[in-house]
Amino acid sequence: MAQPTIARIERGQDDPRLGTLKRLLLACDETIEVLPRTGAGIDRTEIRVLLGLSPAARVASLVEEAATMDRLSRARRTR
């Protein structure tokens, strides 16, 4: 790869394509991995509902859910 191309990328004057980035990383003995964006595909409906509750109501909900999780955990161990 031409040095002026690398210099433009380093100065932020050029955005390399994925293929160029892969070649640069390969020269540095590195690699790139494409992963799903964090939070992509998450239904935030329930989160919004919980955030709409008062802090006391959220704590009460947590206590109820903790009891349910405890029961499920015990049931699983007895199988």
PDB file of N, CA and C in Angstrom:
ATOM      1  N   MET A   1       0.856  -1.165   0.000  1.00  0.00           N
ATOM      2  CA  MET A   1       0.000   0.000   0.000  1.00  0.00           C
ATOM      3  C   MET A   1       0.903   1.229   0.000  1.00  0.00           C
ATOM      4  N   ALA A   2       0.489   2.214  -0.748  1.00  0.00           N
ATOM      5  CA  ALA A   2       1.313   3.414  -0.885  1.00  0.00           C
ATOM      6  C   ALA A   2       1.354   4.190   0.426  1.00  0.00           C
ATOM      7  N   GLN A   3       2.537   4.728   0.747  1.00  0.00           N
ATOM      8  CA  GLN A   3       2.714   5.471   1.986  1.00  0.00           C
ATOM      9  C   GLN A   3       1.797   6.692   2.051  1.00  0.00           C
ATOM     10  N   PRO A   4       1.584   7.443   0.953  1.00  0.00           N
ATOM     11  CA  PRO A   4       0.665   8.586   1.035  1.00  0.00           C
ATOM     12  C   PRO A   4      -0.766   8.181   1.412  1.00  0.00           C
ATOM     13  N   THR A   5      -1.182   7.009   0.992  1.00  0.00           N
ATOM     14  CA  THR A   5      -2.505   6.509   1.360  1.00  0.00           C
ATOM     15  C   THR A   5      -2.581   6.272   2.856  1.00  0.00           C
ATOM     16  N   ILE A   6      -1.547   5.645   3.397  1.00  0.00           N
ATOM     17  CA  ILE A   6      -1.499   5.387   4.839  1.00  0.00           C
ATOM     18  C   ILE A   6      -1.477   6.706   5.601  1.00  0.00           C
ATOM     19  N   ALA A   7      -0.707   7.674   5.108  1.00  0.00           N
ATOM     20  CA  ALA A   7      -0.623   8.975   5.773  1.00  0.00           C
ATOM     21  C   ALA A   7      -1.981   9.670   5.800  1.00  0.00           C
ATOM     22  N   ARG A   8      -2.746   9.611   4.695  1.00  0.00           N
ATOM     23  CA  ARG A   8      -4.085  10.221   4.670  1.00  0.00           C
ATOM     24  C   ARG A   8      -5.012   9.557   5.677  1.00  0.00           C
ATOM     25  N   ILE A   9      -4.930   8.235   5.789  1.00  0.00           N
ATOM     26  CA  ILE A   9      -5.755   7.508   6.760  1.00  0.00           C
ATOM     27  C   ILE A   9      -5.363   7.915   8.178  1.00  0.00           C
ATOM     28  N   GLU A  10      -4.060   7.977   8.441  1.00  0.00           N
ATOM     29  CA  GLU A  10      -3.586   8.347   9.774  1.00  0.00           C
ATOM     30  C   GLU A  10      -4.004   9.765  10.161  1.00  0.00           C
ATOM     31  N   ARG A  11      -4.029  10.682   9.187  1.00  0.00           N
ATOM     32  CA  ARG A  11      -4.429  12.069   9.462  1.00  0.00           C
ATOM     33  C   ARG A  11      -5.946  12.233   9.518  1.00  0.00           C
ATOM     34  N   GLY A  12      -6.684  11.162   9.228  1.00  0.00           N
ATOM     35  CA  GLY A  12      -8.145  11.251   9.238  1.00  0.00           C
ATOM     36  C   GLY A  12      -8.711  11.905   7.995  1.00  0.00           C
ATOM     37  N   GLN A  13      -7.925  12.005   6.945  1.00  0.00           N
ATOM     38  CA  GLN A  13      -8.374  12.619   5.694  1.00  0.00           C
ATOM     39  C   GLN A  13      -9.003  11.605   4.759  1.00  0.00           C
ATOM     40  N   ASP A  14      -8.883  10.336   5.093  1.00  0.00           N
ATOM     41  CA  ASP A  14      -9.406   9.269   4.239  1.00  0.00           C
ATOM     42  C   ASP A  14      -9.991   8.182   5.132  1.00  0.00           C
ATOM     43  N   ASP A  15     -11.152   7.684   4.785  1.00  0.00           N
ATOM     44  CA  ASP A  15     -11.768   6.563   5.498  1.00  0.00           C
ATOM     45  C   ASP A  15     -11.528   5.300   4.681  1.00  0.00           C
ATOM     46  N   PRO A  16     -10.719   4.397   5.201  1.00  0.00           N
ATOM     47  CA  PRO A  16     -10.412   3.201   4.419  1.00  0.00           C
ATOM     48  C   PRO A  16     -11.616   2.276   4.308  1.00  0.00           C
ATOM     49  N   ARG A  17     -11.692   1.591   3.199  1.00  0.00           N
ATOM     50  CA  ARG A  17     -12.702   0.544   3.029  1.00  0.00           C
ATOM     51  C   ARG A  17     -12.287  -0.640   3.883  1.00  0.00           C
ATOM     52  N   LEU A  18     -13.219  -1.556   4.081  1.00  0.00           N
ATOM     53  CA  LEU A  18     -12.953  -2.716   4.924  1.00  0.00           C
ATOM     54  C   LEU A  18     -11.752  -3.517   4.419  1.00  0.00           C
ATOM     55  N   GLY A  19     -11.665  -3.705   3.110  1.00  0.00           N
ATOM     56  CA  GLY A  19     -10.544  -4.457   2.541  1.00  0.00           C
ATOM     57  C   GLY A  19      -9.207  -3.793   2.844  1.00  0.00           C
ATOM     58  N   THR A  20      -9.162  -2.462   2.744  1.00  0.00           N
ATOM     59  CA  THR A  20      -7.940  -1.719   3.051  1.00  0.00           C
ATOM     60  C   THR A  20      -7.603  -1.861   4.524  1.00  0.00           C
ATOM     61  N   LEU A  21      -8.601  -1.738   5.380  1.00  0.00           N
ATOM     62  CA  LEU A  21      -8.387  -1.881   6.813  1.00  0.00           C
ATOM     63  C   LEU A  21      -7.866  -3.277   7.145  1.00  0.00           C
ATOM     64  N   LYS A  22      -8.427  -4.291   6.505  1.00  0.00           N
ATOM     65  CA  LYS A  22      -7.955  -5.664   6.741  1.00  0.00           C
ATOM     66  C   LYS A  22      -6.483  -5.812   6.353  1.00  0.00           C
ATOM     67  N   ARG A  23      -6.095  -5.223   5.208  1.00  0.00           N
ATOM     68  CA  ARG A  23      -4.693  -5.320   4.770  1.00  0.00           C
ATOM     69  C   ARG A  23      -3.763  -4.605   5.734  1.00  0.00           C
ATOM     70  N   LEU A  24      -4.184  -3.431   6.220  1.00  0.00           N
ATOM     71  CA  LEU A  24      -3.364  -2.694   7.180  1.00  0.00           C
ATOM     72  C   LEU A  24      -3.203  -3.485   8.477  1.00  0.00           C
ATOM     73  N   LEU A  25      -4.301  -4.061   8.949  1.00  0.00           N
ATOM     74  CA  LEU A  25      -4.240  -4.848  10.178  1.00  0.00           C
ATOM     75  C   LEU A  25      -3.391  -6.102   9.995  1.00  0.00           C
ATOM     76  N   LEU A  26      -3.497  -6.732   8.844  1.00  0.00           N
ATOM     77  CA  LEU A  26      -2.699  -7.925   8.561  1.00  0.00           C
ATOM     78  C   LEU A  26      -1.210  -7.584   8.614  1.00  0.00           C
ATOM     79  N   ALA A  27      -0.843  -6.413   8.096  1.00  0.00           N
ATOM     80  CA  ALA A  27       0.555  -5.986   8.132  1.00  0.00           C
ATOM     81  C   ALA A  27       1.034  -5.786   9.572  1.00  0.00           C
ATOM     82  N   CYS A  28       0.096  -5.497  10.485  1.00  0.00           N
ATOM     83  CA  CYS A  28       0.429  -5.315  11.906  1.00  0.00           C
ATOM     84  C   CYS A  28       0.233  -6.602  12.695  1.00  0.00           C
ATOM     85  N   ASP A  29      -0.039  -7.693  11.973  1.00  0.00           N
ATOM     86  CA  ASP A  29      -0.291  -8.995  12.598  1.00  0.00           C
ATOM     87  C   ASP A  29      -1.525  -8.954  13.498  1.00  0.00           C
ATOM     88  N   GLU A  30      -2.544  -8.226  13.048  1.00  0.00           N
ATOM     89  CA  GLU A  30      -3.807  -8.091  13.763  1.00  0.00           C
ATOM     90  C   GLU A  30      -4.942  -8.496  12.827  1.00  0.00           C
ATOM     91  N   THR A  31      -6.142  -8.552  13.371  1.00  0.00           N
ATOM     92  CA  THR A  31      -7.314  -8.906  12.574  1.00  0.00           C
ATOM     93  C   THR A  31      -8.502  -8.080  13.048  1.00  0.00           C
ATOM     94  N   ILE A  32      -9.572  -8.120  12.273  1.00  0.00           N
ATOM     95  CA  ILE A  32     -10.800  -7.417  12.643  1.00  0.00           C
ATOM     96  C   ILE A  32     -11.937  -8.425  12.611  1.00  0.00           C
ATOM     97  N   GLU A  33     -12.864  -8.270  13.534  1.00  0.00           N
ATOM     98  CA  GLU A  33     -13.996  -9.177  13.622  1.00  0.00           C
ATOM     99  C   GLU A  33     -15.273  -8.347  13.607  1.00  0.00           C
ATOM    100  N   VAL A  34     -16.217  -8.735  12.785  1.00  0.00           N
ATOM    101  CA  VAL A  34     -17.488  -8.033  12.716  1.00  0.00           C
ATOM    102  C   VAL A  34     -18.457  -8.714  13.673  1.00  0.00           C
ATOM    103  N   LEU A  35     -19.009  -7.922  14.600  1.00  0.00           N
ATOM    104  CA  LEU A  35     -19.940  -8.433  15.603  1.00  0.00           C
ATOM    105  C   LEU A  35     -21.234  -7.635  15.542  1.00  0.00           C
ATOM    106  N   PRO A  36     -22.336  -8.233  15.980  1.00  0.00           N
ATOM    107  CA  PRO A  36     -23.580  -7.459  16.036  1.00  0.00           C
ATOM    108  C   PRO A  36     -23.423  -6.288  16.999  1.00  0.00           C
ATOM    109  N   ARG A  37     -24.050  -5.202  16.656  1.00  0.00           N
ATOM    110  CA  ARG A  37     -23.998  -4.020  17.517  1.00  0.00           C
ATOM    111  C   ARG A  37     -24.664  -4.342  18.851  1.00  0.00           C
ATOM    112  N   THR A  38     -24.046  -3.917  19.935  1.00  0.00           N
ATOM    113  CA  THR A  38     -24.589  -4.161  21.266  1.00  0.00           C
ATOM    114  C   THR A  38     -25.985  -3.573  21.363  1.00  0.00           C
ATOM    115  N   GLY A  39     -26.911  -4.386  21.829  1.00  0.00           N
ATOM    116  CA  GLY A  39     -28.277  -3.922  21.994  1.00  0.00           C
ATOM    117  C   GLY A  39     -29.141  -4.076  20.761  1.00  0.00           C
ATOM    118  N   ALA A  40     -28.557  -4.453  19.646  1.00  0.00           N
ATOM    119  CA  ALA A  40     -29.342  -4.617  18.426  1.00  0.00           C
ATOM    120  C   ALA A  40     -30.299  -5.791  18.606  1.00  0.00           C
ATOM    121  N   GLY A  41     -31.541  -5.593  18.256  1.00  0.00           N
ATOM    122  CA  GLY A  41     -32.531  -6.651  18.335  1.00  0.00           C
ATOM    123  C   GLY A  41     -33.171  -6.802  19.699  1.00  0.00           C
ATOM    124  N   ILE A  42     -32.864  -5.910  20.622  1.00  0.00           N
ATOM    125  CA  ILE A  42     -33.450  -5.985  21.962  1.00  0.00           C
ATOM    126  C   ILE A  42     -34.764  -5.218  21.975  1.00  0.00           C
ATOM    127  N   ASP A  43     -35.811  -5.849  22.472  1.00  0.00           N
ATOM    128  CA  ASP A  43     -37.100  -5.183  22.628  1.00  0.00           C
ATOM    129  C   ASP A  43     -37.038  -4.352  23.901  1.00  0.00           C
ATOM    130  N   ARG A  44     -37.068  -3.053  23.743  1.00  0.00           N
ATOM    131  CA  ARG A  44     -36.924  -2.151  24.882  1.00  0.00           C
ATOM    132  C   ARG A  44     -38.266  -1.773  25.518  1.00  0.00           C
ATOM    133  N   THR A  45     -39.348  -2.403  25.084  1.00  0.00           N
ATOM    134  CA  THR A  45     -40.674  -2.088  25.609  1.00  0.00           C
ATOM    135  C   THR A  45     -40.732  -2.284  27.119  1.00  0.00           C
ATOM    136  N   GLU A  46     -40.277  -3.435  27.595  1.00  0.00           N
ATOM    137  CA  GLU A  46     -40.330  -3.731  29.026  1.00  0.00           C
ATOM    138  C   GLU A  46     -39.427  -2.790  29.824  1.00  0.00           C
ATOM    139  N   ILE A  47     -38.294  -2.439  29.243  1.00  0.00           N
ATOM    140  CA  ILE A  47     -37.386  -1.500  29.913  1.00  0.00           C
ATOM    141  C   ILE A  47     -38.076  -0.157  30.104  1.00  0.00           C
ATOM    142  N   ARG A  48     -38.754   0.318  29.056  1.00  0.00           N
ATOM    143  CA  ARG A  48     -39.467   1.600  29.165  1.00  0.00           C
ATOM    144  C   ARG A  48     -40.571   1.540  30.218  1.00  0.00           C
ATOM    145  N   VAL A  49     -41.271   0.410  30.288  1.00  0.00           N
ATOM    146  CA  VAL A  49     -42.323   0.249  31.290  1.00  0.00           C
ATOM    147  C   VAL A  49     -41.714   0.339  32.688  1.00  0.00           C
ATOM    148  N   LEU A  50     -40.612  -0.376  32.913  1.00  0.00           N
ATOM    149  CA  LEU A  50     -39.969  -0.349  34.228  1.00  0.00           C
ATOM    150  C   LEU A  50     -39.454   1.044  34.580  1.00  0.00           C
ATOM    151  N   LEU A  51     -38.911   1.740  33.605  1.00  0.00           N
ATOM    152  CA  LEU A  51     -38.407   3.087  33.867  1.00  0.00           C
ATOM    153  C   LEU A  51     -39.530   4.071  34.171  1.00  0.00           C
ATOM    154  N   GLY A  52     -40.744   3.729  33.729  1.00  0.00           N
ATOM    155  CA  GLY A  52     -41.903   4.569  34.024  1.00  0.00           C
ATOM    156  C   GLY A  52     -42.421   4.397  35.440  1.00  0.00           C
ATOM    157  N   LEU A  53     -41.974   3.342  36.116  1.00  0.00           N
ATOM    158  CA  LEU A  53     -42.408   3.090  37.490  1.00  0.00           C
ATOM    159  C   LEU A  53     -41.627   3.967  38.468  1.00  0.00           C
ATOM    160  N   SER A  54     -42.207   4.168  39.620  1.00  0.00           N
ATOM    161  CA  SER A  54     -41.496   4.884  40.686  1.00  0.00           C
ATOM    162  C   SER A  54     -40.380   3.977  41.198  1.00  0.00           C
ATOM    163  N   PRO A  55     -39.368   4.542  41.839  1.00  0.00           N
ATOM    164  CA  PRO A  55     -38.308   3.693  42.402  1.00  0.00           C
ATOM    165  C   PRO A  55     -38.854   2.633  43.357  1.00  0.00           C
ATOM    166  N   ALA A  56     -39.833   2.985  44.177  1.00  0.00           N
ATOM    167  CA  ALA A  56     -40.410   2.012  45.121  1.00  0.00           C
ATOM    168  C   ALA A  56     -41.093   0.871  44.366  1.00  0.00           C
ATOM    169  N   ALA A  57     -41.802   1.205  43.299  1.00  0.00           N
ATOM    170  CA  ALA A  57     -42.486   0.176  42.508  1.00  0.00           C
ATOM    171  C   ALA A  57     -41.465  -0.727  41.813  1.00  0.00           C
ATOM    172  N   ARG A  58     -40.342  -0.148  41.375  1.00  0.00           N
ATOM    173  CA  ARG A  58     -39.293  -0.963  40.751  1.00  0.00           C
ATOM    174  C   ARG A  58     -38.686  -1.933  41.757  1.00  0.00           C
ATOM    175  N   VAL A  59     -38.462  -1.478  42.969  1.00  0.00           N
ATOM    176  CA  VAL A  59     -37.912  -2.353  44.008  1.00  0.00           C
ATOM    177  C   VAL A  59     -38.895  -3.473  44.326  1.00  0.00           C
ATOM    178  N   ALA A  60     -40.189  -3.140  44.434  1.00  0.00           N
ATOM    179  CA  ALA A  60     -41.210  -4.161  44.705  1.00  0.00           C
ATOM    180  C   ALA A  60     -41.224  -5.201  43.591  1.00  0.00           C
ATOM    181  N   SER A  61     -41.109  -4.740  42.351  1.00  0.00           N
ATOM    182  CA  SER A  61     -41.073  -5.653  41.209  1.00  0.00           C
ATOM    183  C   SER A  61     -39.841  -6.555  41.286  1.00  0.00           C
ATOM    184  N   LEU A  62     -38.724  -5.978  41.673  1.00  0.00           N
ATOM    185  CA  LEU A  62     -37.488  -6.748  41.809  1.00  0.00           C
ATOM    186  C   LEU A  62     -37.624  -7.826  42.875  1.00  0.00           C
ATOM    187  N   VAL A  63     -38.244  -7.489  43.994  1.00  0.00           N
ATOM    188  CA  VAL A  63     -38.436  -8.460  45.075  1.00  0.00           C
ATOM    189  C   VAL A  63     -39.300  -9.620  44.580  1.00  0.00           C
ATOM    190  N   GLU A  64     -40.381  -9.299  43.858  1.00  0.00           N
ATOM    191  CA  GLU A  64     -41.253 -10.354  43.319  1.00  0.00           C
ATOM    192  C   GLU A  64     -40.489 -11.230  42.336  1.00  0.00           C
ATOM    193  N   GLU A  65     -39.725 -10.612  41.447  1.00  0.00           N
ATOM    194  CA  GLU A  65     -38.984 -11.381  40.450  1.00  0.00           C
ATOM    195  C   GLU A  65     -37.890 -12.227  41.101  1.00  0.00           C
ATOM    196  N   ALA A  66     -37.270 -11.710  42.154  1.00  0.00           N
ATOM    197  CA  ALA A  66     -36.234 -12.474  42.849  1.00  0.00           C
ATOM    198  C   ALA A  66     -36.833 -13.731  43.472  1.00  0.00           C
ATOM    199  N   ALA A  67     -38.017 -13.587  44.043  1.00  0.00           N
ATOM    200  CA  ALA A  67     -38.680 -14.753  44.635  1.00  0.00           C
ATOM    201  C   ALA A  67     -39.002 -15.787  43.554  1.00  0.00           C
ATOM    202  N   THR A  68     -39.462 -15.323  42.420  1.00  0.00           N
ATOM    203  CA  THR A  68     -39.770 -16.233  41.309  1.00  0.00           C
ATOM    204  C   THR A  68     -38.503 -16.939  40.831  1.00  0.00           C
ATOM    205  N   MET A  69     -37.417 -16.190  40.672  1.00  0.00           N
ATOM    206  CA  MET A  69     -36.158 -16.782  40.233  1.00  0.00           C
ATOM    207  C   MET A  69     -35.650 -17.808  41.246  1.00  0.00           C
ATOM    208  N   ASP A  70     -35.836 -17.511  42.524  1.00  0.00           N
ATOM    209  CA  ASP A  70     -35.425 -18.438  43.572  1.00  0.00           C
ATOM    210  C   ASP A  70     -36.206 -19.747  43.474  1.00  0.00           C
ATOM    211  N   ARG A  71     -37.517 -19.643  43.277  1.00  0.00           N
ATOM    212  CA  ARG A  71     -38.351 -20.846  43.126  1.00  0.00           C
ATOM    213  C   ARG A  71     -37.932 -21.650  41.904  1.00  0.00           C
ATOM    214  N   LEU A  72     -37.681 -20.966  40.793  1.00  0.00           N
ATOM    215  CA  LEU A  72     -37.269 -21.668  39.572  1.00  0.00           C
ATOM    216  C   LEU A  72     -35.922 -22.360  39.776  1.00  0.00           C
ATOM    217  N   SER A  73     -35.027 -21.705  40.466  1.00  0.00           N
ATOM    218  CA  SER A  73     -33.710 -22.275  40.733  1.00  0.00           C
ATOM    219  C   SER A  73     -33.822 -23.533  41.590  1.00  0.00           C
ATOM    220  N   ARG A  74     -34.656 -23.465  42.616  1.00  0.00           N
ATOM    221  CA  ARG A  74     -34.843 -24.635  43.487  1.00  0.00           C
ATOM    222  C   ARG A  74     -35.490 -25.783  42.718  1.00  0.00           C
ATOM    223  N   ALA A  75     -36.482 -25.461  41.876  1.00  0.00           N
ATOM    224  CA  ALA A  75     -37.164 -26.501  41.086  1.00  0.00           C
ATOM    225  C   ALA A  75     -36.188 -27.162  40.132  1.00  0.00           C
ATOM    226  N   ARG A  76     -35.287 -26.414  39.578  1.00  0.00           N
ATOM    227  CA  ARG A  76     -34.325 -26.979  38.633  1.00  0.00           C
ATOM    228  C   ARG A  76     -33.348 -27.917  39.346  1.00  0.00           C
ATOM    229  N   ARG A  77     -32.946 -27.557  40.565  1.00  0.00           N
ATOM    230  CA  ARG A  77     -31.999 -28.384  41.316  1.00  0.00           C
ATOM    231  C   ARG A  77     -32.614 -29.708  41.742  1.00  0.00           C
ATOM    232  N   THR A  78     -33.933 -29.765  41.907  1.00  0.00           N
ATOM    233  CA  THR A  78     -34.576 -30.987  42.356  1.00  0.00           C
ATOM    234  C   THR A  78     -34.849 -31.954  41.218  1.00  0.00           C
ATOM    235  N   ARG A  79     -34.598 -31.547  40.012  1.00  0.00           N
ATOM    236  CA  ARG A  79     -34.827 -32.442  38.867  1.00  0.00           C
ATOM    237  C   ARG A  79     -33.807 -33.521  38.761  1.00  0.00           C
TER     238      ARG A  79
END
